[in-house]
Structure formats: C-alpha cells, structure tokens
Amino acid sequence: ALADVDATEENPFVLRDSFLLQEVPDY
C-alpha cells in the first residue's frame, strides 16, 4: 500500500495513489 519512496522528515510514509485510496481513503 506504500508508494516507492522512503521516509522523510516531512513525510514519514506516503501511501500509494491507487484506485483503492482514491475511492476509499480509509480502506
């Protein structure tokens, strides 16, 4: 479920921008 980027101070993690996340953000 995670995007292909590692953690930064601004973003501890980034979720993959999939159709799942777009339609059901708390899936």
PDB file of all heavy atoms in Angstrom:
ATOM      1  N   ALA A   1       0.804  -1.220   0.000  1.00  0.00           N
ATOM      2  CA  ALA A   1       0.000   0.000   0.000  1.00  0.00           C
ATOM      3  C   ALA A   1       0.836   1.269   0.000  1.00  0.00           C
ATOM      4  O   ALA A   1       0.287   2.369  -0.099  1.00  0.00           O
ATOM      5  CB  ALA A   1      -0.929   0.003   1.216  1.00  0.00           C
ATOM      6  N   LEU A   2       2.157   1.143   0.110  1.00  0.00           N
ATOM      7  CA  LEU A   2       3.030   2.312   0.177  1.00  0.00           C
ATOM      8  C   LEU A   2       3.625   2.659  -1.175  1.00  0.00           C
ATOM      9  O   LEU A   2       3.936   1.782  -1.985  1.00  0.00           O
ATOM     10  CB  LEU A   2       4.170   2.065   1.171  1.00  0.00           C
ATOM     11  CG  LEU A   2       3.764   1.906   2.639  1.00  0.00           C
ATOM     12  CD1 LEU A   2       4.984   1.565   3.479  1.00  0.00           C
ATOM     13  CD2 LEU A   2       3.098   3.160   3.163  1.00  0.00           C
ATOM     14  N   ALA A   3       3.808   3.961  -1.390  1.00  0.00           N
ATOM     15  CA  ALA A   3       4.489   4.429  -2.591  1.00  0.00           C
ATOM     16  C   ALA A   3       5.969   4.074  -2.505  1.00  0.00           C
ATOM     17  O   ALA A   3       6.498   3.800  -1.422  1.00  0.00           O
ATOM     18  CB  ALA A   3       4.304   5.935  -2.741  1.00  0.00           C
ATOM     19  N   ASP A   4       6.659   4.104  -3.643  1.00  0.00           N
ATOM     20  CA  ASP A   4       8.065   3.703  -3.697  1.00  0.00           C
ATOM     21  C   ASP A   4       8.994   4.847  -3.294  1.00  0.00           C
ATOM     22  O   ASP A   4       9.914   5.247  -4.030  1.00  0.00           O
ATOM     23  CB  ASP A   4       8.417   3.210  -5.097  1.00  0.00           C
ATOM     24  CG  ASP A   4       7.789   1.872  -5.413  1.00  0.00           C
ATOM     25  OD1 ASP A   4       7.390   1.169  -4.469  1.00  0.00           O
ATOM     26  OD2 ASP A   4       7.696   1.528  -6.607  1.00  0.00           O
ATOM     27  N   VAL A   5       8.770   5.370  -2.110  1.00  0.00           N
ATOM     28  CA  VAL A   5       9.637   6.416  -1.544  1.00  0.00           C
ATOM     29  C   VAL A   5       9.832   6.099  -0.073  1.00  0.00           C
ATOM     30  O   VAL A   5       8.937   5.553   0.581  1.00  0.00           O
ATOM     31  CB  VAL A   5       9.047   7.823  -1.713  1.00  0.00           C
ATOM     32  CG1 VAL A   5       8.984   8.215  -3.175  1.00  0.00           C
ATOM     33  CG2 VAL A   5       7.665   7.921  -1.083  1.00  0.00           C
ATOM     34  N   ASP A   6      11.015   6.431   0.435  1.00  0.00           N
ATOM     35  CA  ASP A   6      11.269   6.181   1.849  1.00  0.00           C
ATOM     36  C   ASP A   6      10.884   7.404   2.666  1.00  0.00           C
ATOM     37  O   ASP A   6      10.482   8.448   2.129  1.00  0.00           O
ATOM     38  CB  ASP A   6      12.730   5.811   2.081  1.00  0.00           C
ATOM     39  CG  ASP A   6      12.922   4.919   3.303  1.00  0.00           C
ATOM     40  OD1 ASP A   6      11.909   4.624   3.981  1.00  0.00           O
ATOM     41  OD2 ASP A   6      14.057   4.518   3.583  1.00  0.00           O
ATOM     42  N   ALA A   7      11.021   7.280   3.957  1.00  0.00           N
ATOM     43  CA  ALA A   7      10.584   8.326   4.875  1.00  0.00           C
ATOM     44  C   ALA A   7      11.452   9.581   4.769  1.00  0.00           C
ATOM     45  O   ALA A   7      12.657   9.516   4.526  1.00  0.00           O
ATOM     46  CB  ALA A   7      10.617   7.794   6.302  1.00  0.00           C
ATOM     47  N   THR A   8      10.814  10.721   4.969  1.00  0.00           N
ATOM     48  CA  THR A   8      11.497  11.994   5.113  1.00  0.00           C
ATOM     49  C   THR A   8      10.934  12.670   6.358  1.00  0.00           C
ATOM     50  O   THR A   8       9.946  12.208   6.941  1.00  0.00           O
ATOM     51  CB  THR A   8      11.272  12.904   3.897  1.00  0.00           C
ATOM     52  OG1 THR A   8       9.870  13.221   3.789  1.00  0.00           O
ATOM     53  CG2 THR A   8      11.739  12.224   2.612  1.00  0.00           C
ATOM     54  N   GLU A   9      11.539  13.774   6.767  1.00  0.00           N
ATOM     55  CA  GLU A   9      11.024  14.496   7.929  1.00  0.00           C
ATOM     56  C   GLU A   9       9.615  15.001   7.660  1.00  0.00           C
ATOM     57  O   GLU A   9       8.766  15.014   8.558  1.00  0.00           O
ATOM     58  CB  GLU A   9      11.954  15.667   8.269  1.00  0.00           C
ATOM     59  CG  GLU A   9      13.305  15.233   8.831  1.00  0.00           C
ATOM     60  CD  GLU A   9      14.137  16.414   9.295  1.00  0.00           C
ATOM     61  OE1 GLU A   9      13.582  17.534   9.337  1.00  0.00           O
ATOM     62  OE2 GLU A   9      15.319  16.220   9.610  1.00  0.00           O
ATOM     63  N   GLU A  10       9.365  15.418   6.437  1.00  0.00           N
ATOM     64  CA  GLU A  10       8.037  15.941   6.104  1.00  0.00           C
ATOM     65  C   GLU A  10       7.011  14.825   5.929  1.00  0.00           C
ATOM     66  O   GLU A  10       5.828  14.995   6.261  1.00  0.00           O
ATOM     67  CB  GLU A  10       8.109  16.769   4.814  1.00  0.00           C
ATOM     68  CG  GLU A  10       8.976  18.009   4.896  1.00  0.00           C
ATOM     69  CD  GLU A  10      10.457  17.708   4.794  1.00  0.00           C
ATOM     70  OE1 GLU A  10      10.809  16.578   4.359  1.00  0.00           O
ATOM     71  OE2 GLU A  10      11.266  18.570   5.159  1.00  0.00           O
ATOM     72  N   ASN A  11       7.445  13.700   5.414  1.00  0.00           N
ATOM     73  CA  ASN A  11       6.536  12.590   5.120  1.00  0.00           C
ATOM     74  C   ASN A  11       7.094  11.289   5.683  1.00  0.00           C
ATOM     75  O   ASN A  11       7.941  10.651   5.049  1.00  0.00           O
ATOM     76  CB  ASN A  11       6.324  12.450   3.609  1.00  0.00           C
ATOM     77  CG  ASN A  11       5.651  13.662   3.008  1.00  0.00           C
ATOM     78  OD1 ASN A  11       4.549  14.039   3.393  1.00  0.00           O
ATOM     79  ND2 ASN A  11       6.327  14.293   2.051  1.00  0.00           N
ATOM     80  N   PRO A  12       6.637  10.882   6.876  1.00  0.00           N
ATOM     81  CA  PRO A  12       7.107   9.622   7.467  1.00  0.00           C
ATOM     82  C   PRO A  12       6.817   8.421   6.578  1.00  0.00           C
ATOM     83  O   PRO A  12       7.555   7.442   6.596  1.00  0.00           O
ATOM     84  CB  PRO A  12       6.341   9.541   8.785  1.00  0.00           C
ATOM     85  CG  PRO A  12       5.937  10.952   9.083  1.00  0.00           C
ATOM     86  CD  PRO A  12       5.718  11.594   7.765  1.00  0.00           C
ATOM     87  N   PHE A  13       5.722   8.501   5.822  1.00  0.00           N
ATOM     88  CA  PHE A  13       5.403   7.485   4.822  1.00  0.00           C
ATOM     89  C   PHE A  13       4.433   8.097   3.833  1.00  0.00           C
ATOM     90  O   PHE A  13       3.735   9.073   4.137  1.00  0.00           O
ATOM     91  CB  PHE A  13       4.804   6.217   5.456  1.00  0.00           C
ATOM     92  CG  PHE A  13       3.512   6.440   6.187  1.00  0.00           C
ATOM     93  CD1 PHE A  13       2.290   6.381   5.526  1.00  0.00           C
ATOM     94  CD2 PHE A  13       3.510   6.708   7.552  1.00  0.00           C
ATOM     95  CE1 PHE A  13       1.098   6.582   6.194  1.00  0.00           C
ATOM     96  CE2 PHE A  13       2.328   6.912   8.240  1.00  0.00           C
ATOM     97  CZ  PHE A  13       1.123   6.851   7.562  1.00  0.00           C
ATOM     98  N   VAL A  14       4.379   7.526   2.638  1.00  0.00           N
ATOM     99  CA  VAL A  14       3.461   8.007   1.596  1.00  0.00           C
ATOM    100  C   VAL A  14       2.673   6.818   1.077  1.00  0.00           C
ATOM    101  O   VAL A  14       3.262   5.816   0.649  1.00  0.00           O
ATOM    102  CB  VAL A  14       4.229   8.683   0.430  1.00  0.00           C
ATOM    103  CG1 VAL A  14       3.245   9.124  -0.650  1.00  0.00           C
ATOM    104  CG2 VAL A  14       5.056   9.851   0.934  1.00  0.00           C
ATOM    105  N   LEU A  15       1.361   6.912   1.096  1.00  0.00           N
ATOM    106  CA  LEU A  15       0.521   5.842   0.575  1.00  0.00           C
ATOM    107  C   LEU A  15       0.488   5.870  -0.949  1.00  0.00           C
ATOM    108  O   LEU A  15       0.537   6.933  -1.573  1.00  0.00           O
ATOM    109  CB  LEU A  15      -0.897   5.969   1.126  1.00  0.00           C
ATOM    110  CG  LEU A  15      -1.062   5.778   2.635  1.00  0.00           C
ATOM    111  CD1 LEU A  15      -2.520   5.997   3.041  1.00  0.00           C
ATOM    112  CD2 LEU A  15      -0.613   4.390   3.068  1.00  0.00           C
ATOM    113  N   ARG A  16       0.405   4.682  -1.533  1.00  0.00           N
ATOM    114  CA  ARG A  16       0.312   4.563  -2.984  1.00  0.00           C
ATOM    115  C   ARG A  16      -1.002   5.181  -3.466  1.00  0.00           C
ATOM    116  O   ARG A  16      -2.065   4.934  -2.906  1.00  0.00           O
ATOM    117  CB  ARG A  16       0.368   3.094  -3.375  1.00  0.00           C
ATOM    118  CG  ARG A  16       0.369   2.838  -4.877  1.00  0.00           C
ATOM    119  CD  ARG A  16       0.303   1.350  -5.161  1.00  0.00           C
ATOM    120  NE  ARG A  16       1.447   0.651  -4.585  1.00  0.00           N
ATOM    121  CZ  ARG A  16       2.614   0.513  -5.187  1.00  0.00           C
ATOM    122  NH1 ARG A  16       2.796   1.052  -6.389  1.00  0.00           N
ATOM    123  NH2 ARG A  16       3.597  -0.152  -4.602  1.00  0.00           N
ATOM    124  N   ASP A  17      -0.926   5.969  -4.519  1.00  0.00           N
ATOM    125  CA  ASP A  17      -2.120   6.641  -5.043  1.00  0.00           C
ATOM    126  C   ASP A  17      -2.904   5.686  -5.945  1.00  0.00           C
ATOM    127  O   ASP A  17      -3.005   5.875  -7.153  1.00  0.00           O
ATOM    128  CB  ASP A  17      -1.717   7.902  -5.817  1.00  0.00           C
ATOM    129  CG  ASP A  17      -2.919   8.740  -6.212  1.00  0.00           C
ATOM    130  OD1 ASP A  17      -3.964   8.635  -5.539  1.00  0.00           O
ATOM    131  OD2 ASP A  17      -2.812   9.484  -7.205  1.00  0.00           O
ATOM    132  N   SER A  18      -3.472   4.661  -5.349  1.00  0.00           N
ATOM    133  CA  SER A  18      -4.199   3.630  -6.092  1.00  0.00           C
ATOM    134  C   SER A  18      -5.689   3.956  -6.147  1.00  0.00           C
ATOM    135  O   SER A  18      -6.172   4.875  -5.469  1.00  0.00           O
ATOM    136  CB  SER A  18      -4.019   2.274  -5.406  1.00  0.00           C
ATOM    137  OG  SER A  18      -4.619   2.305  -4.115  1.00  0.00           O
ATOM    138  N   PHE A  19      -6.417   3.193  -6.941  1.00  0.00           N
ATOM    139  CA  PHE A  19      -7.874   3.373  -7.001  1.00  0.00           C
ATOM    140  C   PHE A  19      -8.502   3.085  -5.645  1.00  0.00           C
ATOM    141  O   PHE A  19      -9.535   3.663  -5.295  1.00  0.00           O
ATOM    142  CB  PHE A  19      -8.491   2.481  -8.083  1.00  0.00           C
ATOM    143  CG  PHE A  19      -8.528   1.019  -7.754  1.00  0.00           C
ATOM    144  CD1 PHE A  19      -9.666   0.447  -7.199  1.00  0.00           C
ATOM    145  CD2 PHE A  19      -7.429   0.198  -7.999  1.00  0.00           C
ATOM    146  CE1 PHE A  19      -9.706  -0.909  -6.892  1.00  0.00           C
ATOM    147  CE2 PHE A  19      -7.465  -1.148  -7.698  1.00  0.00           C
ATOM    148  CZ  PHE A  19      -8.595  -1.707  -7.144  1.00  0.00           C
ATOM    149  N   LEU A  20      -7.885   2.220  -4.863  1.00  0.00           N
ATOM    150  CA  LEU A  20      -8.389   1.917  -3.525  1.00  0.00           C
ATOM    151  C   LEU A  20      -8.347   3.157  -2.643  1.00  0.00           C
ATOM    152  O   LEU A  20      -9.331   3.499  -1.964  1.00  0.00           O
ATOM    153  CB  LEU A  20      -7.554   0.802  -2.900  1.00  0.00           C
ATOM    154  CG  LEU A  20      -7.640  -0.567  -3.558  1.00  0.00           C
ATOM    155  CD1 LEU A  20      -6.513  -1.477  -3.047  1.00  0.00           C
ATOM    156  CD2 LEU A  20      -8.989  -1.212  -3.292  1.00  0.00           C
ATOM    157  N   LEU A  21      -7.200   3.827  -2.633  1.00  0.00           N
ATOM    158  CA  LEU A  21      -7.042   5.014  -1.799  1.00  0.00           C
ATOM    159  C   LEU A  21      -7.928   6.153  -2.294  1.00  0.00           C
ATOM    160  O   LEU A  21      -8.516   6.895  -1.494  1.00  0.00           O
ATOM    161  CB  LEU A  21      -5.578   5.457  -1.804  1.00  0.00           C
ATOM    162  CG  LEU A  21      -5.228   6.638  -0.899  1.00  0.00           C
ATOM    163  CD1 LEU A  21      -5.392   6.249   0.571  1.00  0.00           C
ATOM    164  CD2 LEU A  21      -3.809   7.134  -1.163  1.00  0.00           C
ATOM    165  N   GLN A  22      -8.043   6.293  -3.599  1.00  0.00           N
ATOM    166  CA  GLN A  22      -8.844   7.383  -4.164  1.00  0.00           C
ATOM    167  C   GLN A  22     -10.324   7.248  -3.812  1.00  0.00           C
ATOM    168  O   GLN A  22     -10.990   8.242  -3.506  1.00  0.00           O
ATOM    169  CB  GLN A  22      -8.666   7.412  -5.682  1.00  0.00           C
ATOM    170  CG  GLN A  22      -7.270   7.798  -6.128  1.00  0.00           C
ATOM    171  CD  GLN A  22      -7.048   7.584  -7.612  1.00  0.00           C
ATOM    172  OE1 GLN A  22      -7.994   7.300  -8.358  1.00  0.00           O
ATOM    173  NE2 GLN A  22      -5.794   7.700  -8.056  1.00  0.00           N
ATOM    174  N   GLU A  23     -10.832   6.035  -3.832  1.00  0.00           N
ATOM    175  CA  GLU A  23     -12.260   5.831  -3.601  1.00  0.00           C
ATOM    176  C   GLU A  23     -12.601   5.562  -2.135  1.00  0.00           C
ATOM    177  O   GLU A  23     -13.673   5.932  -1.669  1.00  0.00           O
ATOM    178  CB  GLU A  23     -12.763   4.672  -4.463  1.00  0.00           C
ATOM    179  CG  GLU A  23     -12.748   4.947  -5.941  1.00  0.00           C
ATOM    180  CD  GLU A  23     -13.636   6.120  -6.328  1.00  0.00           C
ATOM    181  OE1 GLU A  23     -14.710   6.290  -5.696  1.00  0.00           O
ATOM    182  OE2 GLU A  23     -13.252   6.883  -7.237  1.00  0.00           O
ATOM    183  N   VAL A  24     -11.690   4.908  -1.415  1.00  0.00           N
ATOM    184  CA  VAL A  24     -11.935   4.591  -0.003  1.00  0.00           C
ATOM    185  C   VAL A  24     -10.661   4.953   0.769  1.00  0.00           C
ATOM    186  O   VAL A  24      -9.805   4.094   1.024  1.00  0.00           O
ATOM    187  CB  VAL A  24     -12.277   3.098   0.190  1.00  0.00           C
ATOM    188  CG1 VAL A  24     -12.694   2.833   1.637  1.00  0.00           C
ATOM    189  CG2 VAL A  24     -13.383   2.666  -0.770  1.00  0.00           C
ATOM    190  N   PRO A  25     -10.516   6.221   1.159  1.00  0.00           N
ATOM    191  CA  PRO A  25      -9.273   6.678   1.789  1.00  0.00           C
ATOM    192  C   PRO A  25      -8.872   5.895   3.039  1.00  0.00           C
ATOM    193  O   PRO A  25      -7.680   5.800   3.352  1.00  0.00           O
ATOM    194  CB  PRO A  25      -9.574   8.144   2.125  1.00  0.00           C
ATOM    195  CG  PRO A  25     -10.629   8.551   1.143  1.00  0.00           C
ATOM    196  CD  PRO A  25     -11.471   7.330   0.940  1.00  0.00           C
ATOM    197  N   ASP A  26      -9.840   5.335   3.745  1.00  0.00           N
ATOM    198  CA  ASP A  26      -9.532   4.557   4.958  1.00  0.00           C
ATOM    199  C   ASP A  26      -9.629   3.051   4.715  1.00  0.00           C
ATOM    200  O   ASP A  26      -9.876   2.280   5.643  1.00  0.00           O
ATOM    201  CB  ASP A  26     -10.446   4.970   6.107  1.00  0.00           C
ATOM    202  CG  ASP A  26     -11.932   4.778   5.785  1.00  0.00           C
ATOM    203  OD1 ASP A  26     -12.268   4.621   4.588  1.00  0.00           O
ATOM    204  OD2 ASP A  26     -12.737   4.783   6.730  1.00  0.00           O
ATOM    205  N   TYR A  27      -9.377   2.620   3.491  1.00  0.00           N
ATOM    206  CA  TYR A  27      -9.537   1.196   3.159  1.00  0.00           C
ATOM    207  C   TYR A  27      -8.606   0.294   3.967  1.00  0.00           C
ATOM    208  O   TYR A  27      -8.950  -0.842   4.282  1.00  0.00           O
ATOM    209  CB  TYR A  27      -9.339   0.957   1.654  1.00  0.00           C
ATOM    210  CG  TYR A  27      -7.910   0.881   1.184  1.00  0.00           C
ATOM    211  CD1 TYR A  27      -7.244  -0.345   1.075  1.00  0.00           C
ATOM    212  CD2 TYR A  27      -7.219   2.033   0.817  1.00  0.00           C
ATOM    213  CE1 TYR A  27      -5.939  -0.412   0.632  1.00  0.00           C
ATOM    214  CE2 TYR A  27      -5.912   1.969   0.374  1.00  0.00           C
ATOM    215  CZ  TYR A  27      -5.274   0.748   0.280  1.00  0.00           C
ATOM    216  OH  TYR A  27      -3.974   0.681  -0.157  1.00  0.00           O
TER     217      TYR A  27
END
